[in-house]
Amino acid sequence: MTLIDKSGFNDKTASDVAEIEKSCFDDSWSKESIISTVNSEFSVFFALYEDNNIAGYVIGNIAADECELYRIAVLKEYRRRGYGDVLMKAFTDCAYKRGAGSVFLEVRSKNTPARSLYEKWGFSLIATRKNYYKNPTDNGEIYRK
């Protein structure tokens, strides 16, 4: 298992992340959006590789003393191996080292596996946005740690 941060981000990594996006999200980000987000001065990014194949990634942003986790995803064939925990630890450790006092995220209310991961990591539900997501319609739940 190899974990890279944004210093190791390149065009191949962007393509790999875009493939995970298509596989894991109905509202997937384009490769261009991924590049733009990761190249932001305030971004936090990690990708996890297993045998030179991308297994998952996490991306977010720090503004002042707050961090927002935008995306975390692990390909289906790599799930249930603790990779989500590895990515979450790298992300939160980096956020706190860079001065974040809180980490926020938003998740579909029906995404039980993601919500379980967040709650395991000490995130608490602080608000709900009714019918926030479309295709399919779902509430957005905001968590904070």
N, C-alpha and C. Protein backbone atom coordinates (compact mmCIF):
# COMPACT_ATOMS: atom_id res chain seq x y z
N MET A 1 0.86 -1.17 0.00
CA MET A 1 0.00 0.00 0.00
C MET A 1 0.90 1.23 0.00
N THR A 2 0.58 2.18 -0.88
CA THR A 2 1.32 3.44 -0.98
C THR A 2 0.35 4.60 -0.89
N LEU A 3 0.66 5.55 -0.02
CA LEU A 3 -0.16 6.74 0.15
C LEU A 3 0.62 7.93 -0.40
N ILE A 4 0.00 8.68 -1.32
CA ILE A 4 0.65 9.88 -1.83
C ILE A 4 -0.17 11.11 -1.44
N ASP A 5 0.52 12.21 -1.25
CA ASP A 5 -0.18 13.47 -0.98
C ASP A 5 -0.15 14.33 -2.24
N LYS A 6 -0.54 15.58 -2.11
CA LYS A 6 -0.65 16.41 -3.31
C LYS A 6 0.69 16.70 -3.96
N SER A 7 1.80 16.51 -3.24
CA SER A 7 3.11 16.70 -3.85
C SER A 7 3.38 15.64 -4.93
N GLY A 8 2.71 14.49 -4.83
CA GLY A 8 2.85 13.43 -5.82
C GLY A 8 1.74 13.42 -6.86
N PHE A 9 0.87 14.43 -6.80
CA PHE A 9 -0.26 14.52 -7.74
C PHE A 9 0.25 14.89 -9.13
N ASN A 10 -0.21 14.14 -10.13
CA ASN A 10 0.17 14.42 -11.52
C ASN A 10 -1.00 14.07 -12.44
N ASP A 11 -0.78 14.13 -13.73
CA ASP A 11 -1.85 13.88 -14.69
C ASP A 11 -2.42 12.46 -14.57
N LYS A 12 -1.55 11.48 -14.33
CA LYS A 12 -2.03 10.10 -14.18
C LYS A 12 -2.90 9.98 -12.92
N THR A 13 -2.46 10.61 -11.84
CA THR A 13 -3.25 10.57 -10.60
C THR A 13 -4.62 11.20 -10.85
N ALA A 14 -4.65 12.33 -11.56
CA ALA A 14 -5.93 12.99 -11.87
C ALA A 14 -6.83 12.06 -12.68
N SER A 15 -6.27 11.36 -13.65
CA SER A 15 -7.06 10.40 -14.44
C SER A 15 -7.57 9.27 -13.58
N ASP A 16 -6.71 8.77 -12.68
CA ASP A 16 -7.12 7.69 -11.78
C ASP A 16 -8.27 8.12 -10.88
N VAL A 17 -8.16 9.33 -10.32
CA VAL A 17 -9.22 9.85 -9.44
C VAL A 17 -10.51 10.04 -10.23
N ALA A 18 -10.41 10.52 -11.46
CA ALA A 18 -11.60 10.72 -12.30
C ALA A 18 -12.30 9.39 -12.57
N GLU A 19 -11.54 8.32 -12.71
CA GLU A 19 -12.15 6.99 -12.90
C GLU A 19 -12.90 6.55 -11.65
N ILE A 20 -12.31 6.79 -10.49
CA ILE A 20 -13.01 6.46 -9.24
C ILE A 20 -14.28 7.29 -9.12
N GLU A 21 -14.20 8.57 -9.47
CA GLU A 21 -15.37 9.45 -9.43
C GLU A 21 -16.52 8.83 -10.24
N LYS A 22 -16.22 8.41 -11.46
CA LYS A 22 -17.26 7.82 -12.33
C LYS A 22 -17.84 6.55 -11.73
N SER A 23 -16.99 5.79 -11.06
CA SER A 23 -17.41 4.52 -10.48
C SER A 23 -18.23 4.70 -9.20
N CYS A 24 -17.92 5.74 -8.43
CA CYS A 24 -18.49 5.87 -7.08
C CYS A 24 -19.58 6.93 -6.92
N PHE A 25 -19.65 7.90 -7.84
CA PHE A 25 -20.57 9.02 -7.65
C PHE A 25 -21.44 9.25 -8.88
N ASP A 26 -22.73 9.47 -8.65
CA ASP A 26 -23.63 9.84 -9.75
C ASP A 26 -23.31 11.22 -10.28
N ASP A 27 -22.82 12.09 -9.41
CA ASP A 27 -22.48 13.46 -9.78
C ASP A 27 -20.96 13.62 -9.83
N SER A 28 -20.31 12.78 -10.62
CA SER A 28 -18.85 12.73 -10.64
C SER A 28 -18.22 14.03 -11.12
N TRP A 29 -17.06 14.32 -10.55
CA TRP A 29 -16.27 15.49 -10.95
C TRP A 29 -15.48 15.15 -12.21
N SER A 30 -15.25 16.13 -13.03
CA SER A 30 -14.41 15.95 -14.22
C SER A 30 -12.94 15.95 -13.81
N LYS A 31 -12.12 15.43 -14.69
CA LYS A 31 -10.68 15.45 -14.46
C LYS A 31 -10.20 16.90 -14.26
N GLU A 32 -10.74 17.81 -15.04
CA GLU A 32 -10.35 19.22 -14.94
C GLU A 32 -10.72 19.80 -13.57
N SER A 33 -11.90 19.45 -13.06
CA SER A 33 -12.31 19.92 -11.73
C SER A 33 -11.41 19.35 -10.65
N ILE A 34 -11.02 18.11 -10.80
CA ILE A 34 -10.13 17.47 -9.83
C ILE A 34 -8.78 18.19 -9.82
N ILE A 35 -8.23 18.43 -11.01
CA ILE A 35 -6.94 19.12 -11.11
C ILE A 35 -7.02 20.50 -10.48
N SER A 36 -8.06 21.23 -10.81
CA SER A 36 -8.23 22.58 -10.28
C SER A 36 -8.33 22.58 -8.75
N THR A 37 -9.08 21.64 -8.21
CA THR A 37 -9.26 21.57 -6.76
C THR A 37 -7.96 21.18 -6.06
N VAL A 38 -7.30 20.15 -6.55
CA VAL A 38 -6.06 19.69 -5.90
C VAL A 38 -4.97 20.75 -6.01
N ASN A 39 -4.92 21.48 -7.11
CA ASN A 39 -3.87 22.48 -7.30
C ASN A 39 -4.14 23.78 -6.53
N SER A 40 -5.29 23.88 -5.87
CA SER A 40 -5.57 25.03 -5.02
C SER A 40 -4.55 25.09 -3.88
N GLU A 41 -4.17 26.27 -3.52
CA GLU A 41 -3.19 26.47 -2.45
C GLU A 41 -3.63 25.83 -1.14
N PHE A 42 -4.91 25.77 -0.89
CA PHE A 42 -5.42 25.33 0.40
C PHE A 42 -5.96 23.90 0.42
N SER A 43 -5.75 23.17 -0.67
CA SER A 43 -6.32 21.82 -0.75
C SER A 43 -5.54 20.82 0.10
N VAL A 44 -6.26 19.76 0.47
CA VAL A 44 -5.69 18.59 1.13
C VAL A 44 -6.06 17.42 0.25
N PHE A 45 -5.07 16.61 -0.12
CA PHE A 45 -5.31 15.50 -1.03
C PHE A 45 -4.42 14.32 -0.67
N PHE A 46 -5.02 13.14 -0.70
CA PHE A 46 -4.27 11.90 -0.56
C PHE A 46 -4.89 10.86 -1.49
N ALA A 47 -4.04 10.04 -2.08
CA ALA A 47 -4.49 8.90 -2.88
C ALA A 47 -3.78 7.66 -2.35
N LEU A 48 -4.50 6.56 -2.36
CA LEU A 48 -3.98 5.29 -1.85
C LEU A 48 -3.87 4.31 -3.02
N TYR A 49 -2.68 3.76 -3.19
CA TYR A 49 -2.43 2.81 -4.27
C TYR A 49 -2.09 1.45 -3.68
N GLU A 50 -2.56 0.41 -4.35
CA GLU A 50 -2.26 -0.97 -4.01
C GLU A 50 -1.74 -1.63 -5.28
N ASP A 51 -0.50 -2.10 -5.24
CA ASP A 51 0.12 -2.72 -6.42
C ASP A 51 0.02 -1.83 -7.66
N ASN A 52 0.32 -0.56 -7.50
CA ASN A 52 0.31 0.45 -8.58
C ASN A 52 -1.07 0.75 -9.15
N ASN A 53 -2.11 0.25 -8.51
CA ASN A 53 -3.49 0.58 -8.91
C ASN A 53 -4.11 1.46 -7.83
N ILE A 54 -4.78 2.52 -8.26
CA ILE A 54 -5.41 3.38 -7.27
C ILE A 54 -6.56 2.62 -6.60
N ALA A 55 -6.61 2.72 -5.29
CA ALA A 55 -7.67 2.08 -4.52
C ALA A 55 -8.67 3.10 -4.01
N GLY A 56 -8.19 4.32 -3.72
CA GLY A 56 -9.08 5.34 -3.19
C GLY A 56 -8.38 6.67 -3.06
N TYR A 57 -9.14 7.67 -2.69
CA TYR A 57 -8.59 9.02 -2.51
C TYR A 57 -9.49 9.82 -1.58
N VAL A 58 -8.94 10.94 -1.11
CA VAL A 58 -9.68 11.90 -0.31
C VAL A 58 -9.22 13.29 -0.72
N ILE A 59 -10.15 14.23 -0.75
CA ILE A 59 -9.83 15.60 -1.14
C ILE A 59 -10.68 16.57 -0.34
N GLY A 60 -10.07 17.68 0.03
CA GLY A 60 -10.79 18.71 0.75
C GLY A 60 -10.04 20.02 0.69
N ASN A 61 -10.44 20.95 1.54
CA ASN A 61 -9.88 22.29 1.51
C ASN A 61 -9.86 22.87 2.92
N ILE A 62 -8.82 23.64 3.22
CA ILE A 62 -8.72 24.33 4.49
C ILE A 62 -8.84 25.82 4.24
N ALA A 63 -9.72 26.47 4.99
CA ALA A 63 -9.87 27.93 4.95
C ALA A 63 -9.85 28.41 6.39
N ALA A 64 -8.89 29.26 6.69
CA ALA A 64 -8.68 29.76 8.06
C ALA A 64 -8.51 28.56 8.99
N ASP A 65 -9.38 28.42 9.99
CA ASP A 65 -9.23 27.31 10.93
C ASP A 65 -10.27 26.21 10.72
N GLU A 66 -10.87 26.17 9.53
CA GLU A 66 -11.86 25.14 9.22
C GLU A 66 -11.44 24.37 7.98
N CYS A 67 -11.76 23.09 7.99
CA CYS A 67 -11.46 22.22 6.86
C CYS A 67 -12.76 21.58 6.40
N GLU A 68 -12.90 21.46 5.10
CA GLU A 68 -14.06 20.76 4.54
C GLU A 68 -13.59 19.57 3.73
N LEU A 69 -14.12 18.41 4.06
CA LEU A 69 -13.85 17.20 3.30
C LEU A 69 -14.85 17.18 2.14
N TYR A 70 -14.33 17.27 0.92
CA TYR A 70 -15.21 17.29 -0.26
C TYR A 70 -15.58 15.88 -0.73
N ARG A 71 -14.58 15.03 -0.83
CA ARG A 71 -14.81 13.68 -1.36
C ARG A 71 -13.87 12.70 -0.68
N ILE A 72 -14.40 11.51 -0.45
CA ILE A 72 -13.59 10.36 -0.07
C ILE A 72 -14.23 9.17 -0.76
N ALA A 73 -13.41 8.36 -1.41
CA ALA A 73 -13.95 7.22 -2.14
C ALA A 73 -12.92 6.10 -2.19
N VAL A 74 -13.42 4.88 -2.10
CA VAL A 74 -12.61 3.68 -2.27
C VAL A 74 -13.33 2.80 -3.28
N LEU A 75 -12.59 2.33 -4.27
CA LEU A 75 -13.19 1.45 -5.27
C LEU A 75 -13.78 0.21 -4.60
N LYS A 76 -14.85 -0.27 -5.16
CA LYS A 76 -15.60 -1.40 -4.58
C LYS A 76 -14.69 -2.60 -4.28
N GLU A 77 -13.80 -2.91 -5.19
CA GLU A 77 -12.96 -4.11 -5.00
C GLU A 77 -11.92 -3.95 -3.89
N TYR A 78 -11.74 -2.74 -3.38
CA TYR A 78 -10.78 -2.49 -2.29
C TYR A 78 -11.46 -2.18 -0.96
N ARG A 79 -12.76 -2.22 -0.93
CA ARG A 79 -13.48 -1.90 0.31
C ARG A 79 -13.37 -3.03 1.32
N ARG A 80 -13.64 -2.68 2.58
CA ARG A 80 -13.61 -3.61 3.72
C ARG A 80 -12.19 -4.06 4.02
N ARG A 81 -11.19 -3.21 3.67
CA ARG A 81 -9.79 -3.51 3.98
C ARG A 81 -9.17 -2.43 4.87
N GLY A 82 -9.98 -1.48 5.32
CA GLY A 82 -9.46 -0.41 6.18
C GLY A 82 -8.90 0.77 5.42
N TYR A 83 -9.07 0.80 4.11
CA TYR A 83 -8.50 1.89 3.30
C TYR A 83 -9.20 3.23 3.58
N GLY A 84 -10.49 3.18 3.86
CA GLY A 84 -11.20 4.41 4.23
C GLY A 84 -10.62 5.00 5.50
N ASP A 85 -10.25 4.15 6.44
CA ASP A 85 -9.62 4.61 7.69
C ASP A 85 -8.25 5.23 7.42
N VAL A 86 -7.47 4.61 6.55
CA VAL A 86 -6.14 5.14 6.21
C VAL A 86 -6.29 6.53 5.60
N LEU A 87 -7.22 6.68 4.67
CA LEU A 87 -7.43 7.97 4.02
C LEU A 87 -7.96 9.01 5.02
N MET A 88 -8.89 8.62 5.86
CA MET A 88 -9.46 9.54 6.84
C MET A 88 -8.39 9.99 7.84
N LYS A 89 -7.55 9.09 8.28
CA LYS A 89 -6.48 9.46 9.22
C LYS A 89 -5.51 10.44 8.57
N ALA A 90 -5.08 10.15 7.36
CA ALA A 90 -4.15 11.05 6.67
C ALA A 90 -4.77 12.43 6.51
N PHE A 91 -6.04 12.46 6.11
CA PHE A 91 -6.73 13.73 5.87
C PHE A 91 -6.88 14.54 7.16
N THR A 92 -7.41 13.92 8.20
CA THR A 92 -7.64 14.67 9.44
C THR A 92 -6.32 15.07 10.10
N ASP A 93 -5.32 14.19 10.08
CA ASP A 93 -4.02 14.55 10.64
C ASP A 93 -3.45 15.78 9.93
N CYS A 94 -3.52 15.79 8.61
CA CYS A 94 -3.02 16.92 7.83
C CYS A 94 -3.80 18.19 8.14
N ALA A 95 -5.11 18.07 8.21
CA ALA A 95 -5.95 19.25 8.49
C ALA A 95 -5.59 19.87 9.83
N TYR A 96 -5.45 19.04 10.86
CA TYR A 96 -5.14 19.56 12.19
C TYR A 96 -3.72 20.13 12.25
N LYS A 97 -2.78 19.49 11.57
CA LYS A 97 -1.41 20.00 11.53
C LYS A 97 -1.34 21.36 10.84
N ARG A 98 -2.26 21.58 9.90
CA ARG A 98 -2.27 22.86 9.17
C ARG A 98 -3.17 23.90 9.85
N GLY A 99 -3.62 23.61 11.06
CA GLY A 99 -4.33 24.61 11.84
C GLY A 99 -5.83 24.55 11.87
N ALA A 100 -6.42 23.54 11.26
CA ALA A 100 -7.88 23.42 11.30
C ALA A 100 -8.32 23.01 12.70
N GLY A 101 -9.32 23.70 13.21
CA GLY A 101 -9.90 23.35 14.50
C GLY A 101 -11.10 22.44 14.34
N SER A 102 -11.73 22.51 13.16
CA SER A 102 -12.91 21.69 12.86
C SER A 102 -12.82 21.18 11.44
N VAL A 103 -13.39 20.00 11.23
CA VAL A 103 -13.52 19.43 9.89
C VAL A 103 -15.00 19.22 9.64
N PHE A 104 -15.48 19.70 8.51
CA PHE A 104 -16.88 19.57 8.11
C PHE A 104 -16.99 18.69 6.87
N LEU A 105 -18.15 18.09 6.70
CA LEU A 105 -18.43 17.34 5.48
C LEU A 105 -19.94 17.25 5.31
N GLU A 106 -20.34 16.91 4.11
CA GLU A 106 -21.76 16.69 3.82
C GLU A 106 -21.88 15.36 3.09
N VAL A 107 -22.94 14.62 3.42
CA VAL A 107 -23.13 13.28 2.87
C VAL A 107 -24.62 13.03 2.64
N ARG A 108 -24.92 12.20 1.66
CA ARG A 108 -26.31 11.79 1.45
C ARG A 108 -26.79 11.02 2.67
N SER A 109 -28.01 11.29 3.09
CA SER A 109 -28.54 10.62 4.28
C SER A 109 -28.64 9.11 4.10
N LYS A 110 -28.80 8.64 2.87
CA LYS A 110 -28.94 7.21 2.60
C LYS A 110 -27.60 6.50 2.41
N ASN A 111 -26.49 7.24 2.50
CA ASN A 111 -25.16 6.64 2.34
C ASN A 111 -24.68 6.11 3.69
N THR A 112 -25.27 5.01 4.10
CA THR A 112 -24.99 4.44 5.41
C THR A 112 -23.52 4.07 5.61
N PRO A 113 -22.84 3.45 4.64
CA PRO A 113 -21.42 3.13 4.86
C PRO A 113 -20.57 4.37 5.14
N ALA A 114 -20.79 5.44 4.39
CA ALA A 114 -20.02 6.67 4.61
C ALA A 114 -20.35 7.27 5.97
N ARG A 115 -21.63 7.32 6.31
CA ARG A 115 -22.02 7.88 7.60
C ARG A 115 -21.41 7.08 8.75
N SER A 116 -21.35 5.77 8.60
CA SER A 116 -20.74 4.92 9.63
C SER A 116 -19.25 5.24 9.79
N LEU A 117 -18.56 5.43 8.67
CA LEU A 117 -17.14 5.79 8.73
C LEU A 117 -16.95 7.12 9.44
N TYR A 118 -17.76 8.11 9.08
CA TYR A 118 -17.62 9.44 9.69
C TYR A 118 -17.90 9.39 11.20
N GLU A 119 -18.93 8.67 11.57
CA GLU A 119 -19.28 8.58 12.99
C GLU A 119 -18.20 7.82 13.77
N LYS A 120 -17.63 6.80 13.14
CA LYS A 120 -16.53 6.06 13.75
C LYS A 120 -15.35 6.99 14.02
N TRP A 121 -15.16 7.97 13.15
CA TRP A 121 -14.05 8.91 13.28
C TRP A 121 -14.40 10.12 14.14
N GLY A 122 -15.53 10.09 14.81
CA GLY A 122 -15.87 11.14 15.76
C GLY A 122 -16.63 12.32 15.18
N PHE A 123 -17.12 12.20 13.96
CA PHE A 123 -17.94 13.27 13.39
C PHE A 123 -19.35 13.19 13.96
N SER A 124 -19.96 14.35 14.17
CA SER A 124 -21.32 14.43 14.70
C SER A 124 -22.22 15.14 13.69
N LEU A 125 -23.43 14.64 13.55
CA LEU A 125 -24.43 15.27 12.69
C LEU A 125 -24.85 16.60 13.31
N ILE A 126 -24.74 17.70 12.53
CA ILE A 126 -25.10 19.01 13.08
C ILE A 126 -26.25 19.67 12.34
N ALA A 127 -26.57 19.22 11.12
CA ALA A 127 -27.67 19.83 10.36
C ALA A 127 -28.07 18.91 9.21
N THR A 128 -29.30 19.11 8.75
CA THR A 128 -29.82 18.37 7.60
C THR A 128 -30.39 19.35 6.58
N ARG A 129 -30.04 19.16 5.34
CA ARG A 129 -30.59 19.94 4.23
C ARG A 129 -31.61 19.05 3.51
N LYS A 130 -32.87 19.38 3.67
CA LYS A 130 -33.96 18.57 3.09
C LYS A 130 -33.88 18.59 1.56
N ASN A 131 -33.97 17.39 0.98
CA ASN A 131 -34.00 17.21 -0.48
C ASN A 131 -32.87 17.94 -1.20
N TYR A 132 -31.71 18.00 -0.58
CA TYR A 132 -30.56 18.72 -1.13
C TYR A 132 -30.02 18.06 -2.40
N TYR A 133 -29.96 16.74 -2.40
CA TYR A 133 -29.43 16.00 -3.54
C TYR A 133 -30.54 15.63 -4.52
N LYS A 134 -30.18 15.55 -5.78
CA LYS A 134 -31.10 15.12 -6.84
C LYS A 134 -30.54 13.87 -7.51
N ASN A 135 -31.41 13.16 -8.19
CA ASN A 135 -31.02 11.97 -9.00
C ASN A 135 -30.22 10.94 -8.21
N PRO A 136 -30.70 10.28 -7.23
CA PRO A 136 -32.04 10.40 -6.67
C PRO A 136 -32.10 11.47 -5.57
N THR A 137 -33.31 11.92 -5.31
CA THR A 137 -33.52 12.91 -4.27
C THR A 137 -33.15 12.34 -2.91
N ASP A 138 -32.42 13.12 -2.14
CA ASP A 138 -31.99 12.67 -0.82
C ASP A 138 -31.63 13.92 0.01
N ASN A 139 -31.71 13.77 1.31
CA ASN A 139 -31.29 14.84 2.21
C ASN A 139 -29.76 14.88 2.26
N GLY A 140 -29.21 16.06 2.48
CA GLY A 140 -27.80 16.23 2.74
C GLY A 140 -27.60 16.38 4.23
N GLU A 141 -26.72 15.59 4.80
CA GLU A 141 -26.44 15.67 6.22
C GLU A 141 -25.07 16.27 6.43
N ILE A 142 -25.00 17.29 7.27
CA ILE A 142 -23.74 17.99 7.54
C ILE A 142 -23.18 17.47 8.87
N TYR A 143 -21.93 17.07 8.80
CA TYR A 143 -21.23 16.54 9.97
C TYR A 143 -20.05 17.45 10.31
N ARG A 144 -19.67 17.44 11.60
CA ARG A 144 -18.50 18.19 12.06
C ARG A 144 -17.73 17.36 13.07
N LYS A 145 -16.43 17.51 13.02
CA LYS A 145 -15.54 16.91 14.03
C LYS A 145 -14.67 18.02 14.57
